[in-house]
Protein backbone atom coordinates (compact mmCIF):
# COMPACT_ATOMS: atom_id res chain seq x y z
CA MET A 1 0.11 0.01 -0.01
CA SER A 2 1.44 3.50 -1.02
CA THR A 3 1.92 6.09 1.50
CA PRO A 4 0.52 9.59 1.42
CA GLY A 5 3.44 11.45 -0.57
CA SER A 6 5.06 8.56 -2.01
CA GLY A 7 4.22 9.37 -5.62
CA GLY A 8 5.84 12.82 -5.66
CA VAL A 9 4.67 16.00 -6.45
CA LEU A 10 4.03 15.25 -9.90
CA SER A 11 2.07 12.06 -9.43
CA ARG A 12 -1.62 12.01 -10.38
CA PRO A 13 -3.15 13.08 -7.28
CA TYR A 14 -0.95 16.08 -6.98
CA ARG A 15 0.02 17.06 -10.68
CA ALA A 16 -2.76 19.75 -11.22
CA ARG A 17 -2.18 21.33 -7.76
CA THR A 18 1.78 21.68 -8.44
CA LEU A 19 1.51 23.14 -11.65
CA ALA A 20 -1.15 25.53 -10.75
CA VAL A 21 1.09 26.55 -7.64
CA SER A 22 4.30 26.61 -9.54
CA SER A 23 2.82 28.61 -12.47
CA THR A 24 1.58 31.20 -10.03
CA PHE A 25 5.31 31.35 -8.35
CA VAL A 26 6.79 31.73 -11.85
CA LEU A 27 4.38 34.63 -12.54
CA VAL A 28 5.31 36.41 -9.18
CA ALA A 29 8.98 35.85 -10.00
CA PHE A 30 8.78 37.07 -13.77
CA ALA A 31 6.36 39.96 -12.61
CA GLY A 32 8.92 41.21 -9.93
CA LEU A 33 11.99 41.10 -12.43
CA ALA A 34 10.15 42.25 -15.47
CA MET A 35 8.66 45.49 -13.72
CA SER A 36 11.61 46.27 -12.13
CA THR A 37 13.57 46.50 -15.78
CA VAL A 38 10.84 48.73 -17.29
CA MET A 39 10.29 50.81 -14.11
CA PRO A 40 13.12 53.32 -15.01
CA ILE A 41 11.29 53.74 -18.37
CA ALA A 42 7.97 54.10 -17.18
CA VAL A 43 8.63 56.61 -14.38
CA GLN A 44 10.53 58.91 -16.70
CA ASP A 45 8.09 58.54 -19.41
CA LEU A 46 5.31 59.59 -17.02
CA ASP A 47 7.65 62.65 -15.76
CA GLY A 48 7.95 61.26 -12.33
CA LEU A 49 11.47 60.75 -12.05
CA GLY A 50 11.56 62.17 -8.53
CA LEU A 51 9.13 59.72 -7.19
CA TYR A 52 11.17 56.87 -8.40
CA SER A 53 11.92 55.48 -5.09
CA LEU A 54 8.06 55.61 -4.27
CA ALA A 55 7.24 52.93 -7.12
CA PHE A 56 9.37 50.43 -5.27
CA GLY A 57 8.96 51.69 -1.65
CA GLY A 58 5.10 51.78 -1.85
CA PHE A 59 5.12 48.19 -3.18
CA LEU A 60 7.08 46.89 -0.15
CA THR A 61 5.04 48.89 2.22
CA THR A 62 1.62 47.63 1.06
CA GLY A 63 2.92 44.25 0.52
CA ILE A 64 3.58 44.21 4.24
CA ILE A 65 -0.09 44.86 5.00
CA GLY A 66 -1.08 42.24 2.21
CA THR A 67 1.16 39.68 4.06
CA VAL A 68 -0.25 40.18 7.52
CA LEU A 69 -3.82 40.18 6.74
CA ALA A 70 -3.63 37.17 4.12
CA GLY A 71 -2.24 35.37 7.07
CA GLY A 72 -5.11 35.70 9.50
CA TRP A 73 -7.64 35.49 6.65
CA SER A 74 -6.04 32.05 5.26
CA ASP A 75 -6.43 30.80 8.93
CA ARG A 76 -9.84 32.02 9.40
CA ARG A 77 -11.31 30.89 5.93
CA GLY A 78 -8.76 28.68 4.38
CA PRO A 79 -5.99 30.04 1.68
CA ALA A 80 -8.35 29.78 -1.16
CA PRO A 81 -10.00 33.47 -0.77
CA ALA A 82 -7.02 35.13 0.17
CA LEU A 83 -5.15 33.89 -2.66
CA CYS A 84 -7.98 34.81 -5.19
CA ALA A 85 -8.43 38.25 -3.64
CA GLY A 86 -4.75 38.60 -3.92
CA LEU A 87 -4.22 37.49 -7.44
CA LEU A 88 -7.22 39.96 -8.62
CA LEU A 89 -5.57 42.85 -6.72
CA PHE A 90 -2.14 42.27 -8.35
CA CYS A 91 -3.88 42.00 -11.71
CA GLY A 92 -5.82 45.03 -10.97
CA GLY A 93 -2.70 46.94 -9.85
CA ALA A 94 -0.83 45.64 -12.94
CA LEU A 95 -3.94 47.07 -15.16
CA LEU A 96 -4.03 50.54 -13.57
CA CYS A 97 -0.30 50.86 -14.05
CA GLY A 98 -0.50 49.76 -17.82
CA LEU A 99 -3.35 52.08 -18.51
CA ALA A 100 -1.72 54.91 -16.60
CA ASP A 101 -0.88 58.11 -18.45
CA ALA A 102 0.27 60.02 -15.26
CA ILE A 103 2.39 59.53 -12.36
CA VAL A 104 -0.21 59.33 -9.56
CA PRO A 105 -2.50 56.54 -11.17
CA PHE A 106 0.93 54.70 -12.05
CA LEU A 107 1.69 54.79 -8.40
CA LEU A 108 -1.73 53.67 -7.26
CA GLY A 109 -1.43 50.74 -9.33
CA ARG A 110 1.95 49.77 -7.75
CA TYR A 111 0.55 50.28 -4.25
CA VAL A 112 -2.48 47.93 -5.29
CA GLN A 113 -0.17 45.53 -6.66
CA GLY A 114 1.94 45.20 -3.54
CA LEU A 115 -0.99 44.66 -1.50
CA GLY A 116 -1.92 41.67 -3.64
CA GLY A 117 1.75 40.25 -3.99
CA GLY A 118 1.89 40.14 -0.36
CA ALA A 119 -1.15 38.24 0.23
CA VAL A 120 -0.60 35.72 -2.67
CA THR A 121 2.74 34.72 -1.47
CA VAL A 122 1.32 33.86 1.91
CA ALA A 123 -1.50 32.19 0.65
CA LEU A 124 0.41 29.93 -1.53
CA TYR A 125 2.59 28.93 1.47
CA VAL A 126 -0.51 27.88 3.36
CA VAL A 127 -1.74 26.03 0.03
CA VAL A 128 1.60 24.04 0.38
CA GLY A 129 0.80 23.02 4.13
CA ARG A 130 -3.15 22.19 3.44
CA ALA A 131 -2.61 20.46 -0.13
CA TYR A 132 0.43 18.42 0.33
CA PRO A 133 1.67 15.67 3.00
CA ALA A 134 4.72 16.56 4.99
CA ALA A 135 6.59 14.16 3.19
CA LEU A 136 6.08 16.13 -0.03
CA ARG A 137 6.68 19.74 1.30
CA PRO A 138 10.45 19.49 1.09
CA ARG A 139 10.31 18.76 -2.64
CA MET A 140 7.62 21.50 -3.24
CA PHE A 141 9.86 24.36 -1.50
CA SER A 142 12.62 22.89 -3.89
CA LEU A 143 10.28 23.37 -6.79
CA ILE A 144 9.54 26.79 -5.65
CA THR A 145 13.08 27.61 -5.57
CA ALA A 146 13.32 26.39 -9.24
CA CYS A 147 10.48 28.63 -10.28
CA TRP A 148 12.41 31.85 -9.86
CA ILE A 149 15.59 30.40 -11.91
CA VAL A 150 14.03 30.72 -15.51
CA PRO A 151 12.29 33.91 -14.68
CA SER A 152 15.56 35.37 -13.46
CA MET A 153 17.14 34.79 -16.75
CA VAL A 154 14.35 35.56 -19.16
CA GLY A 155 12.24 38.12 -17.45
CA PRO A 156 14.62 41.35 -17.78
CA PRO A 157 15.39 40.65 -21.53
CA VAL A 158 11.77 39.88 -22.36
CA ALA A 159 10.48 42.93 -20.72
CA GLY A 160 13.40 45.01 -22.31
CA ALA A 161 12.22 43.82 -25.76
CA VAL A 162 8.78 44.46 -25.26
CA ALA A 163 9.26 47.94 -23.90
CA GLU A 164 11.71 48.73 -26.93
CA ARG A 165 9.54 47.29 -29.71
CA PHE A 166 6.20 48.22 -28.36
CA SER A 167 5.97 49.86 -25.19
CA TRP A 168 6.50 49.52 -21.25
CA HIS A 169 2.43 49.72 -20.88
CA TRP A 170 2.50 46.15 -22.64
CA VAL A 171 4.71 44.76 -19.83
CA PHE A 172 2.19 45.66 -17.25
CA LEU A 173 -1.05 44.70 -19.34
CA GLY A 174 0.57 41.26 -19.94
CA ILE A 175 1.41 40.69 -16.43
CA ALA A 176 -2.20 41.29 -15.64
CA ALA A 177 -3.58 38.74 -18.31
CA LEU A 178 -1.06 36.22 -17.01
CA GLY A 179 -2.31 36.79 -13.45
CA LEU A 180 -5.81 35.96 -14.69
CA PHE A 181 -4.78 32.97 -16.34
CA ALA A 182 -2.92 31.67 -13.25
CA LEU A 183 -6.11 32.30 -11.32
CA LEU A 184 -8.09 30.19 -13.70
CA LEU A 185 -5.38 27.27 -13.24
CA LEU A 186 -5.66 27.68 -9.64
CA ALA A 187 -9.60 27.09 -9.57
CA GLY A 188 -9.89 23.63 -9.58
CA PRO A 189 -7.33 22.81 -7.16
CA LEU A 190 -8.35 25.25 -4.47
CA GLY A 191 -11.88 23.99 -4.92
CA ARG A 192 -11.07 20.65 -3.93
CA LEU A 193 -9.00 21.70 -0.81
CA ARG A 194 -10.84 20.75 2.22
CA PRO A 195 -11.47 23.02 5.08
CA ALA A 196 -9.37 22.20 8.04
CA ALA A 197 -11.02 20.73 11.20
CA ASP A 198 -9.81 23.59 13.46
CA GLU A 199 -10.10 26.31 10.96
CA GLY A 200 -11.55 29.41 12.54
CA ALA A 201 -9.90 28.82 15.91
CA ASP A 202 -9.02 32.04 17.66
CA GLU A 203 -10.96 33.79 15.09
CA PRO A 204 -10.80 37.25 16.65
CA ALA A 205 -7.03 37.44 16.64
CA GLY A 206 -6.99 36.47 12.93
CA LEU A 207 -6.91 39.74 11.31
CA ARG A 208 -4.72 42.80 12.79
CA PRO A 209 -5.10 45.70 10.37
CA LEU A 210 -4.05 48.29 12.80
CA PRO A 211 -0.64 46.70 13.58
CA ALA A 212 -0.13 45.81 9.98
CA LEU A 213 -0.76 49.62 8.72
CA ALA A 214 1.78 50.76 11.69
CA VAL A 215 4.62 48.43 10.93
CA ALA A 216 4.10 49.22 6.96
CA LEU A 217 4.33 52.92 7.86
CA GLY A 218 7.40 52.28 9.88
CA ALA A 219 9.10 50.55 7.07
CA GLY A 220 8.05 53.12 4.99
CA LEU A 221 9.61 55.94 6.91
CA LEU A 222 12.83 54.11 7.27
CA GLN A 223 12.70 53.78 3.52
CA TYR A 224 12.20 57.40 2.85
CA ALA A 225 14.96 58.20 5.74
CA GLY A 226 17.53 56.57 3.74
CA SER A 227 17.38 58.79 0.77
CA GLN A 228 17.39 61.91 3.12
CA THR A 229 20.17 63.94 5.20
CA GLY A 230 20.42 65.76 8.42
CA LEU A 231 17.16 66.30 10.31
CA ALA A 232 14.69 64.91 8.02
CA ARG A 233 16.74 61.61 8.12
CA LEU A 234 16.75 61.69 12.03
CA VAL A 235 13.05 62.41 12.34
CA ALA A 236 11.81 59.88 9.73
CA SER A 237 14.12 57.08 11.31
CA ALA A 238 13.03 57.94 14.87
CA ALA A 239 9.29 57.74 13.93
CA GLY A 240 9.87 54.65 11.95
CA LEU A 241 11.81 52.46 14.46
CA ALA A 242 9.22 53.88 17.30
CA LEU A 243 6.36 52.47 14.97
CA LEU A 244 8.09 49.13 14.61
CA VAL A 245 9.12 48.84 18.37
CA VAL A 246 5.36 49.42 19.36
CA TRP A 247 3.52 47.49 16.79
CA LEU A 248 5.82 44.64 15.48
CA ARG A 249 5.59 42.37 18.29
CA PRO A 250 2.14 41.46 18.06
CA LEU A 251 2.55 40.42 14.50
CA LEU A 252 5.23 37.79 15.41
CA PRO A 253 5.11 34.59 17.30
CA ALA A 254 5.69 35.08 20.96
CA GLY A 255 9.32 35.20 21.85
CA THR A 256 10.79 35.88 18.26
CA LEU A 257 12.86 38.62 19.03
CA ARG A 258 14.81 36.75 21.97
CA SER A 259 15.14 33.63 19.78
CA ALA A 260 12.70 31.27 21.88
CA PRO A 261 13.18 27.51 20.73
CA GLY A 262 11.10 26.37 17.75
CA ILE A 263 8.94 28.63 15.77
CA PRO A 264 9.94 32.09 16.92
CA SER A 265 13.73 30.94 16.26
CA LEU A 266 12.61 29.78 12.89
CA VAL A 267 10.82 33.36 12.23
CA LEU A 268 14.10 35.14 13.51
CA LEU A 269 16.54 33.03 11.65
CA ARG A 270 14.59 33.57 8.47
CA GLY A 271 14.70 37.25 9.03
CA VAL A 272 18.57 37.41 9.75
CA SER A 273 19.50 35.14 7.30
CA ALA A 274 17.68 37.03 4.38
CA GLY A 275 18.80 40.35 5.41
CA VAL A 276 22.32 39.19 5.34
CA TYR A 277 22.12 37.68 2.07
CA PHE A 278 20.31 40.49 0.23
CA THR A 279 22.61 43.06 1.74
CA ILE A 280 25.66 41.15 0.44
CA GLU A 281 23.94 40.67 -2.88
CA THR A 282 23.40 44.36 -2.89
CA TYR A 283 26.62 45.46 -2.47
CA ILE A 284 28.84 42.97 -4.21
CA PRO A 285 28.11 44.32 -7.74
CA LEU A 286 28.60 47.78 -6.81
CA MET A 287 31.99 46.84 -5.34
CA LEU A 288 33.09 44.71 -8.37
CA VAL A 289 31.98 47.41 -10.99
CA ASN A 290 33.45 50.70 -9.07
CA GLU A 291 36.16 49.37 -6.87
CA ARG A 292 37.53 46.49 -9.18
CA GLN A 293 36.52 47.86 -12.57
CA TRP A 294 34.59 44.69 -13.66
CA SER A 295 32.21 45.10 -16.30
CA PRO A 296 28.57 44.97 -15.00
CA GLY A 297 28.16 42.11 -17.37
CA THR A 298 30.90 40.07 -15.64
CA ALA A 299 29.82 41.19 -12.47
CA GLY A 300 26.42 40.04 -12.86
CA LEU A 301 27.57 36.61 -13.14
CA SER A 302 28.25 36.24 -9.38
CA LEU A 303 24.68 36.97 -9.20
CA ALA A 304 23.70 34.10 -11.70
CA GLY A 305 26.10 31.75 -10.14
CA ALA A 306 24.56 32.35 -6.68
CA ALA A 307 21.12 31.72 -8.19
CA LEU A 308 22.21 28.30 -9.46
CA THR A 309 23.89 27.17 -6.30
CA TRP A 310 20.67 28.06 -4.38
CA PHE A 311 18.59 26.01 -6.54
CA ALA A 312 20.98 22.94 -6.43
CA ALA A 313 20.87 23.15 -2.67
CA SER A 314 17.30 23.49 -2.27
CA TRP A 315 16.88 20.39 -4.83
CA LEU A 316 19.17 18.54 -2.33
CA GLN A 317 17.27 19.21 0.71
CA GLY A 318 14.17 18.38 -0.89
CA ARG A 319 15.35 14.61 -1.53
CA PRO A 320 12.32 12.19 -0.32
CA ARG A 321 14.66 10.49 2.13
CA LEU A 322 16.81 12.80 3.58
CA PRO A 323 19.58 10.95 5.93
CA TRP A 324 19.72 13.84 8.29
CA PRO A 325 17.19 15.84 10.58
CA ARG A 326 15.91 18.87 9.15
CA GLU A 327 17.13 21.00 11.75
CA ARG A 328 20.68 19.94 11.40
CA VAL A 329 20.27 20.65 7.43
CA VAL A 330 19.33 24.07 8.36
CA LEU A 331 22.15 24.64 10.61
CA ALA A 332 24.70 23.19 7.79
CA GLY A 333 23.06 26.07 5.62
CA ALA A 334 23.64 28.44 8.24
CA LEU A 335 27.36 27.55 8.45
CA ILE A 336 27.86 27.58 4.97
CA HIS A 337 26.30 31.06 4.66
CA VAL A 338 28.59 32.34 7.19
CA ALA A 339 31.38 30.88 5.35
CA GLY A 340 30.25 32.63 2.21
CA ALA A 341 30.16 36.03 4.05
CA ALA A 342 33.43 35.36 5.54
CA ILE A 343 35.08 34.73 1.90
CA THR A 344 33.06 37.90 0.78
CA LEU A 345 34.88 40.10 3.64
CA GLY A 346 38.39 38.59 2.83
CA GLY A 347 38.08 39.81 -0.87
CA ALA A 348 36.70 43.13 0.01
CA LEU A 349 39.85 43.55 2.21
CA ARG A 350 42.04 42.70 -0.83
CA ALA A 351 43.40 39.85 1.36
CA MET A 352 42.50 37.74 -1.78
CA PRO A 353 41.58 38.39 -5.58
CA ALA A 354 38.50 40.25 -6.50
CA VAL A 355 37.03 36.86 -7.80
CA THR A 356 36.96 35.96 -4.30
CA VAL A 357 33.79 38.21 -3.67
CA ALA A 358 31.62 36.67 -6.13
CA VAL A 359 32.47 33.15 -5.09
CA GLY A 360 31.74 34.17 -1.53
CA LEU A 361 28.44 35.07 -2.81
CA VAL A 362 27.88 31.74 -4.59
CA VAL A 363 28.87 29.78 -1.57
CA ALA A 364 26.47 31.98 0.64
CA GLY A 365 23.68 31.10 -2.19
CA PHE A 366 24.22 27.41 -1.59
CA GLY A 367 23.80 27.76 2.25
CA MET A 368 20.65 29.93 1.54
CA GLY A 369 19.45 26.84 -0.73
CA LEU A 370 19.69 24.48 2.43
CA LEU A 371 18.46 27.14 5.12
CA LEU A 372 15.40 29.09 3.56
CA PRO A 373 13.37 26.09 2.50
CA GLY A 374 14.08 24.12 5.57
CA VAL A 375 12.74 27.16 7.67
CA GLY A 376 9.66 26.93 5.68
CA VAL A 377 9.25 23.14 5.89
CA LEU A 378 9.99 23.35 9.74
CA THR A 379 7.53 26.13 10.07
CA LEU A 380 4.27 24.39 8.40
CA GLU A 381 5.48 21.06 10.09
CA HIS A 382 5.30 22.58 13.68
CA SER A 383 2.14 25.13 12.97
CA PRO A 384 -1.53 23.83 13.74
CA THR A 385 -3.40 24.05 10.62
CA ALA A 386 -5.16 27.18 12.08
CA ARG A 387 -2.09 29.13 12.36
CA GLN A 388 -0.18 28.16 9.37
CA GLY A 389 -1.13 31.36 7.69
CA ARG A 390 -0.16 33.70 10.59
CA ASN A 391 3.21 31.98 10.84
CA SER A 392 3.89 32.06 7.26
CA ALA A 393 3.02 35.80 7.18
CA SER A 394 5.69 36.19 10.34
CA LEU A 395 8.15 34.63 8.14
CA GLN A 396 7.59 36.86 5.05
CA LEU A 397 7.25 39.90 7.69
CA SER A 398 10.58 38.95 9.13
CA ASP A 399 12.29 38.59 5.72
CA SER A 400 11.08 42.15 4.51
CA LEU A 401 11.63 44.01 7.72
CA SER A 402 15.22 42.62 8.15
CA SER A 403 16.23 43.40 4.71
CA VAL A 404 15.01 47.02 4.83
CA LEU A 405 16.67 47.26 8.38
CA LEU A 406 19.98 45.79 7.25
CA VAL A 407 20.20 47.52 3.97
CA GLY A 408 19.42 50.90 5.64
CA LEU A 409 21.97 50.22 8.32
CA CYS A 410 24.73 49.28 5.97
CA GLY A 411 24.03 52.25 3.94
CA ALA A 412 24.52 54.49 6.62
CA LEU A 413 27.72 52.60 7.43
CA PHE A 414 28.99 52.62 4.10
CA ASN A 415 28.62 56.47 3.77
CA ALA A 416 30.20 56.89 7.18
CA ALA A 417 33.27 54.96 6.41
CA HIS A 418 33.57 56.36 2.95
CA ILE A 419 33.56 60.08 4.81
CA ALA A 420 35.90 58.95 7.56
CA ALA A 421 38.44 56.90 5.29
CA GLY A 422 38.01 58.67 2.14
CA ARG A 423 38.25 55.42 0.15
CA ASP A 424 35.70 52.86 -0.72
CA THR A 425 37.72 49.51 0.58
CA ALA A 426 37.04 50.53 4.23
CA ALA A 427 33.26 51.21 3.18
CA PHE A 428 32.80 47.99 1.70
CA ALA A 429 34.58 46.15 4.30
CA ALA A 430 32.10 47.80 7.01
CA VAL A 431 28.97 46.58 5.33
CA PHE A 432 30.53 42.86 4.88
CA GLY A 433 32.08 42.88 8.26
CA THR A 434 28.32 43.52 9.52
CA ALA A 435 27.08 40.93 7.23
CA LEU A 436 29.29 38.45 8.59
CA ALA A 437 28.80 39.17 12.18
CA LEU A 438 24.93 38.91 11.64
CA ALA A 439 25.32 35.83 9.64
CA ALA A 440 27.39 34.06 12.70
CA ALA A 441 24.55 35.37 14.96
CA ALA A 442 22.27 33.43 12.34
CA VAL A 443 24.31 30.35 13.15
CA LEU A 444 23.51 30.55 16.95
CA ILE A 445 19.81 31.04 16.38
CA ALA A 446 19.85 28.20 13.95
CA ARG A 447 20.96 25.92 17.05
CA ARG A 448 17.55 26.84 18.89
CA ILE A 449 15.24 26.00 16.07
CA ALA A 450 14.38 22.34 17.41
CA VAL A 451 10.84 21.94 18.89
CA PRO A 452 11.59 21.79 22.72
CA HIS A 453 7.83 20.45 23.48
CA PRO A 454 5.23 18.41 21.56
CA GLU A 455 3.05 20.87 22.93
CA GLU A 456 4.69 23.89 20.80
CA LYS A 457 1.62 23.58 18.42
CA ARG A 458 -0.52 25.07 20.90
CA ASN A 459 1.74 27.16 22.77
CA HIS A 460 3.51 29.21 20.22
CA ALA A 461 0.55 31.37 19.04
CA THR A 462 0.95 34.77 17.41
CA VAL A 463 0.16 37.49 19.94
């Protein structure tokens, strides 16, 4: 007799939902890369170059709101309503952008898109938790990683070609059409999802719009502060941090900020690791081009190499009969990640050749490929069904906020070191040194992710 999950994610019982879920992730990845490619053209064409940062920052800000609300909604009513609403908002925002003839409606479309995009990602995580047995979830997270590889290679050139031959408007309109197609693909598999037995438990705590709005505003203020100087930076930074200090804790599992064992440590590990990797990834091309005189195309090969090693590691951890406990695989990923950060710092200090910096990113990408899917699998495994949405939302929220905070902090360190030392070598060393220290802290957090008691599923509630 076959056991649940023995046939694989592409076997007959799961094939339709696997194709639908993976197609939606491909859409999200392609849309993000394609829109980033044509954004400078669109904003300039609409005479809104001075509002360029709002087109990106607003998307992230409303994405936080969508993430939090979709998590609670998925726990209360299942993932189908949140996913459908998120896709419709995402498509509607893309349609607004594609039809915009002025910067204000274009920005409105971006904000609507962000709201939908945040909801879609969380709801898809809950679909994985609800629609697949535990044995198949690691392979599904491997497949989700793979869904980002092809779009990262074809998204920018395709979007650029469409914008050059036709118009940037058609990029957004095409994304809206693809989103509706993904919604049609999902209709059947979502309709066959059975409601969970404990769905609707703790219903009053499910939706938290006020904390979500406050945290999104705090993140937006911190982004604004990064582009300002003097008093404006200080005021915006202080206001943004105050909002996060007051309103962030209710959106995270209890004990997250002190790295309590189990799910709180998983959420914190996801945020710290993602923030470190995103910071390294952001500054490596800048260093290779400006400091080491590499061409942009050559410097970009490091990003492609890291994407491939990330996928290879993710596929490795998704093997059906993994010979090690998943907690140990996550810890191994954290150790490899810190090794990559150390190699990068060595290259930045000119202790090793410039190519060492690119090698460090490739090594760090392999570590993240082991770490992040494992964190997702363990979070779903140790979450009661009625809390999968909120805990998945906590993972995404931790990821986004840590990236915003760490990139902003490293930007300030970079500028300060550049002014003090008068050369960029010290500035890049300050950035990569900070990233290395936090990557080492992530290793300590990874040692605390094991579930301490069987009752954790009941005890680790979001508060």
